[in-house]
Amino acid sequence: SDAIVEIPLSLYWDEWSRCIGSRYQRDHLYRVGRLDSCSRQWQDLKTAMRAKFLQYKDPDTCRKMMDNTFYKKRTTISPTAGAIWEI
């Protein structure tokens, strides 16, 4: 359980970059009616950076931090959950 946790900073950077991109914002505006603040992706990126500093000092805390990210929670449910509406 004290094994070093891999922190894919580039994954979280890519998720945040994708979110702030014009194509994603356009799609989100169309689907939801407003722009996405991308605060969840930004929070994930900050969490990943904090965890990166802790990965050798406290791997268990680091693992818990990464398990509580929006990305981790989002990838465990259907990618279309909440994105499909009734007509």
Protein backbone atom coordinates (compact mmCIF):
# COMPACT_ATOMS: atom_id res chain seq x y z
CA SER A 1 0.00 0.00 0.00
CA ASP A 2 3.07 2.25 0.27
CA ALA A 3 3.78 1.86 -3.44
CA ILE A 4 4.44 5.10 -5.28
CA VAL A 5 1.32 6.44 -7.00
CA GLU A 6 1.59 7.46 -10.63
CA ILE A 7 0.36 11.02 -11.11
CA PRO A 8 -0.37 11.69 -14.79
CA LEU A 9 -0.12 15.50 -14.69
CA SER A 10 -0.36 15.64 -18.48
CA LEU A 11 -3.75 13.89 -18.34
CA TYR A 12 -5.18 16.53 -16.03
CA TRP A 13 -3.56 19.33 -18.03
CA ASP A 14 -5.12 17.89 -21.20
CA GLU A 15 -8.55 17.61 -19.57
CA TRP A 16 -8.41 21.24 -18.43
CA SER A 17 -7.10 22.40 -21.83
CA ARG A 18 -9.86 20.48 -23.61
CA CYS A 19 -12.47 22.05 -21.37
CA ILE A 20 -11.36 25.63 -21.99
CA GLY A 21 -11.08 25.00 -25.73
CA SER A 22 -13.49 26.70 -28.11
CA ARG A 23 -14.95 23.49 -29.54
CA TYR A 24 -15.86 22.09 -26.11
CA GLN A 25 -17.25 25.45 -25.00
CA ARG A 26 -19.35 25.69 -28.16
CA ASP A 27 -20.75 22.19 -27.64
CA HIS A 28 -21.43 22.89 -23.97
CA LEU A 29 -23.20 26.14 -24.82
CA TYR A 30 -25.37 24.28 -27.33
CA ARG A 31 -26.20 21.40 -24.98
CA VAL A 32 -26.57 23.23 -21.67
CA GLY A 33 -27.17 26.83 -22.67
CA ARG A 34 -24.13 28.32 -20.95
CA LEU A 35 -20.35 28.17 -21.04
CA ASP A 36 -18.54 25.74 -18.75
CA SER A 37 -16.37 27.37 -16.08
CA CYS A 38 -14.06 24.31 -16.14
CA SER A 39 -13.62 24.72 -12.38
CA ARG A 40 -13.82 20.95 -11.81
CA GLN A 41 -11.02 20.29 -14.29
CA TRP A 42 -8.96 23.15 -12.82
CA GLN A 43 -9.49 21.71 -9.33
CA ASP A 44 -8.38 18.29 -10.60
CA LEU A 45 -5.21 19.81 -12.05
CA LYS A 46 -4.42 21.54 -8.75
CA THR A 47 -5.11 18.31 -6.85
CA ALA A 48 -2.79 16.39 -9.18
CA MET A 49 -0.03 18.95 -8.63
CA ARG A 50 -0.45 18.71 -4.84
CA ALA A 51 -0.46 14.92 -5.04
CA LYS A 52 2.68 14.98 -7.17
CA PHE A 53 4.53 16.65 -4.29
CA LEU A 54 3.17 14.08 -1.81
CA GLN A 55 3.65 10.93 -3.87
CA TYR A 56 6.92 9.93 -2.13
CA LYS A 57 6.13 11.34 1.30
CA ASP A 58 2.58 10.05 1.78
CA PRO A 59 1.41 7.67 -0.98
CA ASP A 60 -1.84 6.72 0.79
CA THR A 61 -3.02 10.32 1.07
CA CYS A 62 -1.96 10.86 -2.52
CA ARG A 63 -4.01 7.84 -3.66
CA LYS A 64 -7.08 9.13 -1.80
CA MET A 65 -6.67 12.56 -3.34
CA MET A 66 -6.51 11.12 -6.84
CA ASP A 67 -9.50 8.81 -6.23
CA ASN A 68 -11.61 11.86 -5.34
CA THR A 69 -10.96 13.81 -8.54
CA PHE A 70 -13.79 14.74 -10.87
CA TYR A 71 -11.97 12.90 -13.67
CA LYS A 72 -11.87 9.65 -11.69
CA LYS A 73 -15.54 9.94 -10.73
CA ARG A 74 -16.57 10.88 -14.26
CA THR A 75 -14.78 7.94 -15.89
CA THR A 76 -16.64 5.47 -13.67
CA ILE A 77 -20.05 6.49 -15.06
CA SER A 78 -21.43 6.61 -18.57
CA PRO A 79 -19.85 9.39 -20.65
CA THR A 80 -23.32 10.46 -21.81
CA ALA A 81 -24.87 10.57 -18.33
CA GLY A 82 -26.73 13.84 -18.06
CA ALA A 83 -25.92 14.83 -21.63
CA ILE A 84 -29.01 13.34 -23.26
CA TRP A 85 -32.28 15.19 -22.97
CA GLU A 86 -35.90 14.36 -23.71
CA ILE A 87 -37.75 16.05 -26.55
